[in-house]
C-alpha cells in the first residue's frame, strides 16, 4: 500500500542543453546563458509518478521544455581551473509553463 503524502521525489534527466557564459570579470553574460530541460525526459523512482507529472502537471506534450536563465553566480573562483571540479551556486529565473487549471 502506498501512502499519498508526505512524499519527497527527486526527478532526474540527462536531457539538458545550454550553458553558462561568463565575462572576463566573472559576471554572467545573461544574453548568452540559458539551460533548457526536456520535460518528457524527467524520471524518478516511480513510473506512475513520472507519467502523472508528465501528463497532468507539466503537460509535457504541450509544454516540452523548462528554462533556467542564470542571473548570478556565487563561489566561483575568478580564475577558473583548467581541470578538476569545483562546486558553486547559480541563482536565476526558472520558467515552468503549467496548464491552466479549470474549476469544475
PDB file of N, CA and C in Angstrom:
ATOM      1  N   UNK A   1       0.839  -1.177   0.000  1.00  0.00           N
ATOM      2  CA  UNK A   1       0.000   0.000   0.000  1.00  0.00           C
ATOM      3  C   UNK A   1       0.882   1.237   0.000  1.00  0.00           C
ATOM      4  N   UNK A   2       0.615   2.163  -0.911  1.00  0.00           N
ATOM      5  CA  UNK A   2       1.354   3.408  -0.961  1.00  0.00           C
ATOM      6  C   UNK A   2       0.588   4.491  -0.220  1.00  0.00           C
ATOM      7  N   UNK A   3       1.312   5.289   0.531  1.00  0.00           N
ATOM      8  CA  UNK A   3       0.713   6.424   1.220  1.00  0.00           C
ATOM      9  C   UNK A   3       0.925   7.668   0.383  1.00  0.00           C
ATOM     10  N   UNK A   4      -0.112   8.508   0.224  1.00  0.00           N
ATOM     11  CA  UNK A   4      -0.019   9.646  -0.686  1.00  0.00           C
ATOM     12  C   UNK A   4       0.946  10.749  -0.241  1.00  0.00           C
ATOM     13  N   UNK A   5       0.940  11.154   0.996  1.00  0.00           N
ATOM     14  CA  UNK A   5       1.793  12.245   1.475  1.00  0.00           C
ATOM     15  C   UNK A   5       2.195  11.982   2.906  1.00  0.00           C
ATOM     16  N   UNK A   6       3.199  12.526   3.464  1.00  0.00           N
ATOM     17  CA  UNK A   6       4.190  13.365   2.789  1.00  0.00           C
ATOM     18  C   UNK A   6       5.095  12.524   1.903  1.00  0.00           C
ATOM     19  N   UNK A   7       5.654  13.145   0.875  1.00  0.00           N
ATOM     20  CA  UNK A   7       6.478  12.417  -0.065  1.00  0.00           C
ATOM     21  C   UNK A   7       7.539  13.335  -0.648  1.00  0.00           C
ATOM     22  N   UNK A   8       8.737  12.848  -0.735  1.00  0.00           N
ATOM     23  CA  UNK A   8       9.810  13.552  -1.422  1.00  0.00           C
ATOM     24  C   UNK A   8      10.129  12.767  -2.679  1.00  0.00           C
ATOM     25  N   UNK A   9      10.327  13.476  -3.767  1.00  0.00           N
ATOM     26  CA  UNK A   9      10.692  12.825  -5.014  1.00  0.00           C
ATOM     27  C   UNK A   9      11.832  13.606  -5.650  1.00  0.00           C
ATOM     28  N   UNK A  10      12.730  12.884  -6.274  1.00  0.00           N
ATOM     29  CA  UNK A  10      13.840  13.507  -6.976  1.00  0.00           C
ATOM     30  C   UNK A  10      13.711  13.150  -8.442  1.00  0.00           C
ATOM     31  N   UNK A  11      13.567  14.177  -9.270  1.00  0.00           N
ATOM     32  CA  UNK A  11      13.494  13.969 -10.707  1.00  0.00           C
ATOM     33  C   UNK A  11      14.875  14.127 -11.322  1.00  0.00           C
ATOM     34  N   UNK A  12      15.166  13.284 -12.315  1.00  0.00           N
ATOM     35  CA  UNK A  12      16.458  13.326 -12.992  1.00  0.00           C
ATOM     36  C   UNK A  12      16.257  13.312 -14.493  1.00  0.00           C
ATOM     37  N   UNK A  13      17.236  13.857 -15.184  1.00  0.00           N
ATOM     38  CA  UNK A  13      17.251  13.779 -16.638  1.00  0.00           C
ATOM     39  C   UNK A  13      18.672  13.980 -17.139  1.00  0.00           C
ATOM     40  N   UNK A  14      18.938  13.465 -18.299  1.00  0.00           N
ATOM     41  CA  UNK A  14      20.204  13.702 -18.971  1.00  0.00           C
ATOM     42  C   UNK A  14      20.022  14.634 -20.153  1.00  0.00           C
ATOM     43  N   UNK A  15      18.787  15.115 -20.330  1.00  0.00           N
ATOM     44  CA  UNK A  15      18.477  15.943 -21.493  1.00  0.00           C
ATOM     45  C   UNK A  15      18.385  17.413 -21.113  1.00  0.00           C
ATOM     46  N   UNK A  16      19.563  17.986 -20.874  1.00  0.00           N
ATOM     47  CA  UNK A  16      19.698  19.412 -20.558  1.00  0.00           C
ATOM     48  C   UNK A  16      20.639  20.004 -21.592  1.00  0.00           C
ATOM     49  N   UNK A  17      20.217  21.089 -22.224  1.00  0.00           N
ATOM     50  CA  UNK A  17      21.071  21.774 -23.185  1.00  0.00           C
ATOM     51  C   UNK A  17      21.319  23.195 -22.698  1.00  0.00           C
ATOM     52  N   UNK A  18      22.299  23.833 -23.282  1.00  0.00           N
ATOM     53  CA  UNK A  18      22.596  25.220 -22.944  1.00  0.00           C
ATOM     54  C   UNK A  18      23.918  25.342 -22.235  1.00  0.00           C
ATOM     55  N   UNK A  19      24.109  26.487 -21.600  1.00  0.00           N
ATOM     56  CA  UNK A  19      25.367  26.703 -20.915  1.00  0.00           C
ATOM     57  C   UNK A  19      25.395  28.028 -20.184  1.00  0.00           C
ATOM     58  N   UNK A  20      26.516  28.257 -19.535  1.00  0.00           N
ATOM     59  CA  UNK A  20      26.745  29.443 -18.716  1.00  0.00           C
ATOM     60  C   UNK A  20      27.902  30.213 -19.337  1.00  0.00           C
ATOM     61  N   UNK A  21      27.663  31.463 -19.741  1.00  0.00           N
ATOM     62  CA  UNK A  21      28.704  32.314 -20.311  1.00  0.00           C
ATOM     63  C   UNK A  21      29.128  33.339 -19.269  1.00  0.00           C
ATOM     64  N   UNK A  22      30.436  33.483 -19.096  1.00  0.00           N
ATOM     65  CA  UNK A  22      30.976  34.421 -18.115  1.00  0.00           C
ATOM     66  C   UNK A  22      31.845  35.459 -18.804  1.00  0.00           C
ATOM     67  N   UNK A  23      31.776  36.695 -18.305  1.00  0.00           N
ATOM     68  CA  UNK A  23      32.643  37.749 -18.814  1.00  0.00           C
ATOM     69  C   UNK A  23      34.023  37.616 -18.174  1.00  0.00           C
ATOM     70  N   UNK A  24      34.971  38.426 -18.607  1.00  0.00           N
ATOM     71  CA  UNK A  24      36.330  38.372 -18.068  1.00  0.00           C
ATOM     72  C   UNK A  24      36.376  38.656 -16.572  1.00  0.00           C
ATOM     73  N   UNK A  25      35.416  39.448 -16.070  1.00  0.00           N
ATOM     74  CA  UNK A  25      35.404  39.756 -14.629  1.00  0.00           C
ATOM     75  C   UNK A  25      34.571  38.762 -13.824  1.00  0.00           C
ATOM     76  N   UNK A  26      34.122  37.661 -14.440  1.00  0.00           N
ATOM     77  CA  UNK A  26      33.405  36.607 -13.730  1.00  0.00           C
ATOM     78  C   UNK A  26      31.905  36.791 -13.632  1.00  0.00           C
ATOM     79  N   UNK A  27      31.368  37.806 -14.255  1.00  0.00           N
ATOM     80  CA  UNK A  27      29.911  38.013 -14.240  1.00  0.00           C
ATOM     81  C   UNK A  27      29.251  37.223 -15.357  1.00  0.00           C
ATOM     82  N   UNK A  28      27.999  36.878 -15.116  1.00  0.00           N
ATOM     83  CA  UNK A  28      27.233  36.128 -16.115  1.00  0.00           C
ATOM     84  C   UNK A  28      26.889  37.027 -17.291  1.00  0.00           C
ATOM     85  N   UNK A  29      27.088  36.519 -18.487  1.00  0.00           N
ATOM     86  CA  UNK A  29      26.620  37.183 -19.695  1.00  0.00           C
ATOM     87  C   UNK A  29      25.205  36.658 -19.908  1.00  0.00           C
ATOM     88  N   UNK A  30      24.240  37.415 -19.411  1.00  0.00           N
ATOM     89  CA  UNK A  30      22.845  36.957 -19.366  1.00  0.00           C
ATOM     90  C   UNK A  30      22.321  36.587 -20.750  1.00  0.00           C
ATOM     91  N   UNK A  31      22.624  37.378 -21.758  1.00  0.00           N
ATOM     92  CA  UNK A  31      22.109  37.129 -23.109  1.00  0.00           C
ATOM     93  C   UNK A  31      22.630  35.822 -23.703  1.00  0.00           C
ATOM     94  N   UNK A  32      23.726  35.287 -23.157  1.00  0.00           N
ATOM     95  CA  UNK A  32      24.327  34.071 -23.703  1.00  0.00           C
ATOM     96  C   UNK A  32      24.226  32.877 -22.758  1.00  0.00           C
ATOM     97  N   UNK A  33      23.486  33.026 -21.666  1.00  0.00           N
ATOM     98  CA  UNK A  33      23.393  31.963 -20.655  1.00  0.00           C
ATOM     99  C   UNK A  33      21.957  31.467 -20.521  1.00  0.00           C
ATOM    100  N   UNK A  34      21.782  30.173 -20.704  1.00  0.00           N
ATOM    101  CA  UNK A  34      20.453  29.572 -20.564  1.00  0.00           C
ATOM    102  C   UNK A  34      20.602  28.063 -20.533  1.00  0.00           C
ATOM    103  N   UNK A  35      19.757  27.405 -19.725  1.00  0.00           N
ATOM    104  CA  UNK A  35      19.672  25.954 -19.694  1.00  0.00           C
ATOM    105  C   UNK A  35      18.238  25.565 -20.021  1.00  0.00           C
ATOM    106  N   UNK A  36      18.071  24.538 -20.842  1.00  0.00           N
ATOM    107  CA  UNK A  36      16.754  24.061 -21.250  1.00  0.00           C
ATOM    108  C   UNK A  36      16.653  22.572 -20.929  1.00  0.00           C
ATOM    109  N   UNK A  37      15.571  22.189 -20.235  1.00  0.00           N
ATOM    110  CA  UNK A  37      15.348  20.794 -19.856  1.00  0.00           C
ATOM    111  C   UNK A  37      14.156  20.248 -20.635  1.00  0.00           C
ATOM    112  N   UNK A  38      14.317  19.068 -21.208  1.00  0.00           N
ATOM    113  CA  UNK A  38      13.238  18.373 -21.900  1.00  0.00           C
ATOM    114  C   UNK A  38      12.331  17.742 -20.844  1.00  0.00           C
ATOM    115  N   UNK A  39      11.105  18.249 -20.689  1.00  0.00           N
ATOM    116  CA  UNK A  39      10.210  17.770 -19.635  1.00  0.00           C
ATOM    117  C   UNK A  39       9.798  16.309 -19.827  1.00  0.00           C
ATOM    118  N   UNK A  40       9.760  15.836 -21.050  1.00  0.00           N
ATOM    119  CA  UNK A  40       9.368  14.442 -21.303  1.00  0.00           C
ATOM    120  C   UNK A  40      10.435  13.463 -20.826  1.00  0.00           C
ATOM    121  N   UNK A  41      11.644  13.952 -20.572  1.00  0.00           N
ATOM    122  CA  UNK A  41      12.738  13.063 -20.180  1.00  0.00           C
ATOM    123  C   UNK A  41      12.898  12.936 -18.665  1.00  0.00           C
ATOM    124  N   UNK A  42      12.120  13.669 -17.885  1.00  0.00           N
ATOM    125  CA  UNK A  42      12.249  13.611 -16.427  1.00  0.00           C
ATOM    126  C   UNK A  42      11.813  12.252 -15.896  1.00  0.00           C
ATOM    127  N   UNK A  43      12.613  11.691 -14.989  1.00  0.00           N
ATOM    128  CA  UNK A  43      12.269  10.408 -14.362  1.00  0.00           C
ATOM    129  C   UNK A  43      12.564  10.468 -12.870  1.00  0.00           C
ATOM    130  N   UNK A  44      11.864   9.629 -12.122  1.00  0.00           N
ATOM    131  CA  UNK A  44      12.087   9.495 -10.680  1.00  0.00           C
ATOM    132  C   UNK A  44      12.154   7.997 -10.370  1.00  0.00           C
ATOM    133  N   UNK A  45      11.875   7.652  -9.140  1.00  0.00           N
ATOM    134  CA  UNK A  45      11.883   6.232  -8.775  1.00  0.00           C
ATOM    135  C   UNK A  45      10.523   5.567  -8.974  1.00  0.00           C
ATOM    136  N   UNK A  46       9.577   6.295  -9.590  1.00  0.00           N
ATOM    137  CA  UNK A  46       8.235   5.748  -9.770  1.00  0.00           C
ATOM    138  C   UNK A  46       7.703   6.070 -11.168  1.00  0.00           C
ATOM    139  N   UNK A  47       7.538   5.033 -11.993  1.00  0.00           N
ATOM    140  CA  UNK A  47       6.990   5.235 -13.337  1.00  0.00           C
ATOM    141  C   UNK A  47       5.605   5.862 -13.288  1.00  0.00           C
ATOM    142  N   UNK A  48       4.832   5.474 -12.310  1.00  0.00           N
ATOM    143  CA  UNK A  48       3.467   6.002 -12.167  1.00  0.00           C
ATOM    144  C   UNK A  48       3.500   7.504 -11.896  1.00  0.00           C
ATOM    145  N   UNK A  49       4.364   7.915 -10.971  1.00  0.00           N
ATOM    146  CA  UNK A  49       4.515   9.340 -10.667  1.00  0.00           C
ATOM    147  C   UNK A  49       4.996  10.085 -11.910  1.00  0.00           C
ATOM    148  N   UNK A  50       5.979   9.507 -12.594  1.00  0.00           N
ATOM    149  CA  UNK A  50       6.531  10.154 -13.781  1.00  0.00           C
ATOM    150  C   UNK A  50       5.446  10.420 -14.819  1.00  0.00           C
ATOM    151  N   UNK A  51       4.612   9.424 -15.059  1.00  0.00           N
ATOM    152  CA  UNK A  51       3.527   9.583 -16.023  1.00  0.00           C
ATOM    153  C   UNK A  51       2.564  10.675 -15.607  1.00  0.00           C
ATOM    154  N   UNK A  52       2.218  10.705 -14.321  1.00  0.00           N
ATOM    155  CA  UNK A  52       1.291  11.726 -13.826  1.00  0.00           C
ATOM    156  C   UNK A  52       1.893  13.119 -13.987  1.00  0.00           C
ATOM    157  N   UNK A  53       3.147  13.265 -13.591  1.00  0.00           N
ATOM    158  CA  UNK A  53       3.797  14.578 -13.681  1.00  0.00           C
ATOM    159  C   UNK A  53       3.892  15.023 -15.139  1.00  0.00           C
ATOM    160  N   UNK A  54       4.288  14.134 -16.026  1.00  0.00           N
ATOM    161  CA  UNK A  54       4.430  14.498 -17.439  1.00  0.00           C
ATOM    162  C   UNK A  54       3.096  14.830 -18.098  1.00  0.00           C
ATOM    163  N   UNK A  55       2.064  13.995 -17.814  1.00  0.00           N
ATOM    164  CA  UNK A  55       0.772  14.188 -18.472  1.00  0.00           C
ATOM    165  C   UNK A  55      -0.077  15.269 -17.809  1.00  0.00           C
ATOM    166  N   UNK A  56      -0.164  15.272 -16.482  1.00  0.00           N
ATOM    167  CA  UNK A  56      -1.125  16.132 -15.796  1.00  0.00           C
ATOM    168  C   UNK A  56      -0.523  17.409 -15.218  1.00  0.00           C
ATOM    169  N   UNK A  57       0.676  17.335 -14.662  1.00  0.00           N
ATOM    170  CA  UNK A  57       1.260  18.503 -14.010  1.00  0.00           C
ATOM    171  C   UNK A  57       1.969  19.409 -15.022  1.00  0.00           C
ATOM    172  N   UNK A  58       2.884  18.846 -15.792  1.00  0.00           N
ATOM    173  CA  UNK A  58       3.665  19.648 -16.741  1.00  0.00           C
ATOM    174  C   UNK A  58       3.075  19.681 -18.147  1.00  0.00           C
ATOM    175  N   UNK A  59       2.182  18.746 -18.453  1.00  0.00           N
ATOM    176  CA  UNK A  59       1.654  18.592 -19.812  1.00  0.00           C
ATOM    177  C   UNK A  59       2.797  18.683 -20.817  1.00  0.00           C
ATOM    178  N   UNK A  60       3.716  17.730 -20.697  1.00  0.00           N
ATOM    179  CA  UNK A  60       4.952  17.739 -21.474  1.00  0.00           C
ATOM    180  C   UNK A  60       4.741  17.780 -22.987  1.00  0.00           C
ATOM    181  N   UNK A  61       3.650  17.231 -23.479  1.00  0.00           N
ATOM    182  CA  UNK A  61       3.400  17.295 -24.923  1.00  0.00           C
ATOM    183  C   UNK A  61       3.145  18.726 -25.373  1.00  0.00           C
ATOM    184  N   UNK A  62       2.425  19.489 -24.562  1.00  0.00           N
ATOM    185  CA  UNK A  62       2.107  20.879 -24.910  1.00  0.00           C
ATOM    186  C   UNK A  62       3.228  21.842 -24.502  1.00  0.00           C
ATOM    187  N   UNK A  63       3.905  21.554 -23.402  1.00  0.00           N
ATOM    188  CA  UNK A  63       4.971  22.402 -22.878  1.00  0.00           C
ATOM    189  C   UNK A  63       6.237  21.551 -22.731  1.00  0.00           C
ATOM    190  N   UNK A  64       6.968  21.345 -23.820  1.00  0.00           N
ATOM    191  CA  UNK A  64       8.057  20.368 -23.826  1.00  0.00           C
ATOM    192  C   UNK A  64       9.343  20.773 -23.100  1.00  0.00           C
ATOM    193  N   UNK A  65       9.438  22.030 -22.669  1.00  0.00           N
ATOM    194  CA  UNK A  65      10.688  22.444 -22.025  1.00  0.00           C
ATOM    195  C   UNK A  65      10.454  23.275 -20.771  1.00  0.00           C
ATOM    196  N   UNK A  66      11.457  23.246 -19.913  1.00  0.00           N
ATOM    197  CA  UNK A  66      11.567  24.122 -18.755  1.00  0.00           C
ATOM    198  C   UNK A  66      12.867  24.889 -18.969  1.00  0.00           C
ATOM    199  N   UNK A  67      12.847  26.212 -18.734  1.00  0.00           N
ATOM    200  CA  UNK A  67      14.041  27.021 -18.964  1.00  0.00           C
ATOM    201  C   UNK A  67      14.552  27.645 -17.675  1.00  0.00           C
ATOM    202  N   UNK A  68      15.872  27.651 -17.538  1.00  0.00           N
ATOM    203  CA  UNK A  68      16.529  28.312 -16.407  1.00  0.00           C
ATOM    204  C   UNK A  68      17.470  29.364 -16.975  1.00  0.00           C
ATOM    205  N   UNK A  69      17.242  30.640 -16.580  1.00  0.00           N
ATOM    206  CA  UNK A  69      18.085  31.744 -17.022  1.00  0.00           C
ATOM    207  C   UNK A  69      18.934  32.212 -15.847  1.00  0.00           C
ATOM    208  N   UNK A  70      20.230  31.894 -15.847  1.00  0.00           N
ATOM    209  CA  UNK A  70      21.102  32.295 -14.744  1.00  0.00           C
ATOM    210  C   UNK A  70      21.241  33.810 -14.658  1.00  0.00           C
ATOM    211  N   UNK A  71      21.266  34.336 -13.430  1.00  0.00           N
ATOM    212  CA  UNK A  71      21.446  35.769 -13.223  1.00  0.00           C
ATOM    213  C   UNK A  71      22.615  36.093 -12.306  1.00  0.00           C
ATOM    214  N   UNK A  72      23.076  35.116 -11.518  1.00  0.00           N
ATOM    215  CA  UNK A  72      24.151  35.381 -10.572  1.00  0.00           C
ATOM    216  C   UNK A  72      24.860  34.076 -10.204  1.00  0.00           C
ATOM    217  N   UNK A  73      26.181  34.166  -9.998  1.00  0.00           N
ATOM    218  CA  UNK A  73      26.946  33.022  -9.504  1.00  0.00           C
ATOM    219  C   UNK A  73      27.599  33.401  -8.183  1.00  0.00           C
ATOM    220  N   UNK A  74      27.716  32.420  -7.297  1.00  0.00           N
ATOM    221  CA  UNK A  74      28.404  32.598  -6.011  1.00  0.00           C
ATOM    222  C   UNK A  74      29.376  31.444  -5.828  1.00  0.00           C
ATOM    223  N   UNK A  75      30.564  31.776  -5.327  1.00  0.00           N
ATOM    224  CA  UNK A  75      31.529  30.739  -5.025  1.00  0.00           C
ATOM    225  C   UNK A  75      32.370  30.297  -6.199  1.00  0.00           C
ATOM    226  N   UNK A  76      32.295  31.018  -7.302  1.00  0.00           N
ATOM    227  CA  UNK A  76      33.084  30.669  -8.475  1.00  0.00           C
ATOM    228  C   UNK A  76      34.393  31.452  -8.418  1.00  0.00           C
ATOM    229  N   UNK A  77      35.533  30.772  -8.508  1.00  0.00           N
ATOM    230  CA  UNK A  77      36.800  31.499  -8.431  1.00  0.00           C
ATOM    231  C   UNK A  77      36.984  32.429  -9.631  1.00  0.00           C
ATOM    232  N   UNK A  78      37.679  33.548  -9.420  1.00  0.00           N
ATOM    233  CA  UNK A  78      37.911  34.498 -10.522  1.00  0.00           C
ATOM    234  C   UNK A  78      38.722  33.859 -11.639  1.00  0.00           C
ATOM    235  N   UNK A  79      39.678  33.052 -11.275  1.00  0.00           N
ATOM    236  CA  UNK A  79      40.476  32.331 -12.261  1.00  0.00           C
ATOM    237  C   UNK A  79      39.999  30.884 -12.292  1.00  0.00           C
ATOM    238  N   UNK A  80      39.352  30.484 -13.373  1.00  0.00           N
ATOM    239  CA  UNK A  80      38.841  29.121 -13.468  1.00  0.00           C
ATOM    240  C   UNK A  80      39.977  28.137 -13.683  1.00  0.00           C
ATOM    241  N   UNK A  81      39.943  26.997 -12.994  1.00  0.00           N
ATOM    242  CA  UNK A  81      40.987  25.990 -13.187  1.00  0.00           C
ATOM    243  C   UNK A  81      40.873  25.336 -14.561  1.00  0.00           C
ATOM    244  N   UNK A  82      41.980  24.827 -15.062  1.00  0.00           N
ATOM    245  CA  UNK A  82      41.991  24.153 -16.365  1.00  0.00           C
ATOM    246  C   UNK A  82      41.436  22.739 -16.285  1.00  0.00           C
ATOM    247  N   UNK A  83      41.423  22.166 -15.066  1.00  0.00           N
ATOM    248  CA  UNK A  83      40.895  20.810 -14.910  1.00  0.00           C
ATOM    249  C   UNK A  83      40.375  20.645 -13.486  1.00  0.00           C
ATOM    250  N   UNK A  84      39.685  19.540 -13.254  1.00  0.00           N
ATOM    251  CA  UNK A  84      39.147  19.259 -11.934  1.00  0.00           C
ATOM    252  C   UNK A  84      37.704  19.722 -11.807  1.00  0.00           C
ATOM    253  N   UNK A  85      37.230  19.715 -10.587  1.00  0.00           N
ATOM    254  CA  UNK A  85      35.850  20.118 -10.327  1.00  0.00           C
ATOM    255  C   UNK A  85      35.814  21.208  -9.266  1.00  0.00           C
ATOM    256  N   UNK A  86      34.735  21.949  -9.272  1.00  0.00           N
ATOM    257  CA  UNK A  86      34.524  22.994  -8.276  1.00  0.00           C
ATOM    258  C   UNK A  86      33.020  23.175  -8.119  1.00  0.00           C
ATOM    259  N   UNK A  87      32.556  23.289  -6.900  1.00  0.00           N
ATOM    260  CA  UNK A  87      31.133  23.483  -6.629  1.00  0.00           C
ATOM    261  C   UNK A  87      30.857  24.961  -6.421  1.00  0.00           C
ATOM    262  N   UNK A  88      29.757  25.451  -7.020  1.00  0.00           N
ATOM    263  CA  UNK A  88      29.349  26.840  -6.844  1.00  0.00           C
ATOM    264  C   UNK A  88      27.841  26.920  -6.994  1.00  0.00           C
ATOM    265  N   UNK A  89      27.274  28.050  -6.592  1.00  0.00           N
ATOM    266  CA  UNK A  89      25.826  28.257  -6.651  1.00  0.00           C
ATOM    267  C   UNK A  89      25.476  29.165  -7.819  1.00  0.00           C
ATOM    268  N   UNK A  90      24.359  28.867  -8.456  1.00  0.00           N
ATOM    269  CA  UNK A  90      23.826  29.715  -9.527  1.00  0.00           C
ATOM    270  C   UNK A  90      22.419  30.131  -9.129  1.00  0.00           C
ATOM    271  N   UNK A  91      22.168  31.422  -9.175  1.00  0.00           N
ATOM    272  CA  UNK A  91      20.805  31.932  -8.980  1.00  0.00           C
ATOM    273  C   UNK A  91      20.268  32.331 -10.344  1.00  0.00           C
ATOM    274  N   UNK A  92      18.942  32.240 -10.492  1.00  0.00           N
ATOM    275  CA  UNK A  92      18.361  32.620 -11.766  1.00  0.00           C
ATOM    276  C   UNK A  92      16.855  32.504 -11.755  1.00  0.00           C
ATOM    277  N   UNK A  93      16.300  32.590 -12.922  1.00  0.00           N
ATOM    278  CA  UNK A  93      14.848  32.530 -13.112  1.00  0.00           C
ATOM    279  C   UNK A  93      14.477  31.236 -13.821  1.00  0.00           C
ATOM    280  N   UNK A  94      13.591  30.477 -13.186  1.00  0.00           N
ATOM    281  CA  UNK A  94      13.129  29.211 -13.734  1.00  0.00           C
ATOM    282  C   UNK A  94      11.733  29.415 -14.309  1.00  0.00           C
ATOM    283  N   UNK A  95      11.558  29.045 -15.576  1.00  0.00           N
ATOM    284  CA  UNK A  95      10.257  29.169 -16.230  1.00  0.00           C
ATOM    285  C   UNK A  95       9.684  27.778 -16.451  1.00  0.00           C
ATOM    286  N   UNK A  96       8.587  27.507 -15.770  1.00  0.00           N
ATOM    287  CA  UNK A  96       7.855  26.257 -15.925  1.00  0.00           C
ATOM    288  C   UNK A  96       6.460  26.645 -16.383  1.00  0.00           C
ATOM    289  N   UNK A  97       6.089  26.191 -17.548  1.00  0.00           N
ATOM    290  CA  UNK A  97       4.747  26.506 -18.062  1.00  0.00           C
ATOM    291  C   UNK A  97       3.791  25.427 -17.583  1.00  0.00           C
ATOM    292  N   UNK A  98       2.799  25.860 -16.850  1.00  0.00           N
ATOM    293  CA  UNK A  98       1.822  24.914 -16.322  1.00  0.00           C
ATOM    294  C   UNK A  98       0.485  25.149 -16.990  1.00  0.00           C
ATOM    295  N   UNK A  99      -0.276  24.100 -17.185  1.00  0.00           N
ATOM    296  CA  UNK A  99      -1.591  24.249 -17.807  1.00  0.00           C
ATOM    297  C   UNK A  99      -2.513  25.059 -16.911  1.00  0.00           C
ATOM    298  N   UNK A 100      -3.461  25.731 -17.523  1.00  0.00           N
ATOM    299  CA  UNK A 100      -4.463  26.460 -16.766  1.00  0.00           C
ATOM    300  C   UNK A 100      -5.434  25.465 -16.168  1.00  0.00           C
ATOM    301  N   UNK A 101      -5.586  25.521 -14.868  1.00  0.00           N
ATOM    302  CA  UNK A 101      -6.498  24.606 -14.184  1.00  0.00           C
ATOM    303  C   UNK A 101      -7.907  25.197 -14.225  1.00  0.00           C
ATOM    304  N   UNK A 102      -8.833  24.441 -14.765  1.00  0.00           N
ATOM    305  CA  UNK A 102     -10.212  24.916 -14.806  1.00  0.00           C
ATOM    306  C   UNK A 102     -10.964  24.430 -13.582  1.00  0.00           C
ATOM    307  N   UNK A 103     -11.850  25.265 -13.093  1.00  0.00           N
ATOM    308  CA  UNK A 103     -12.669  24.879 -11.934  1.00  0.00           C
ATOM    309  C   UNK A 103     -13.869  24.071 -12.418  1.00  0.00           C
ATOM    310  N   UNK A 104     -14.178  23.048 -11.665  1.00  0.00           N
ATOM    311  CA  UNK A 104     -15.311  22.193 -12.037  1.00  0.00           C
ATOM    312  C   UNK A 104     -16.489  22.544 -11.191  1.00  0.00           C
TER     313      UNK A 104
END
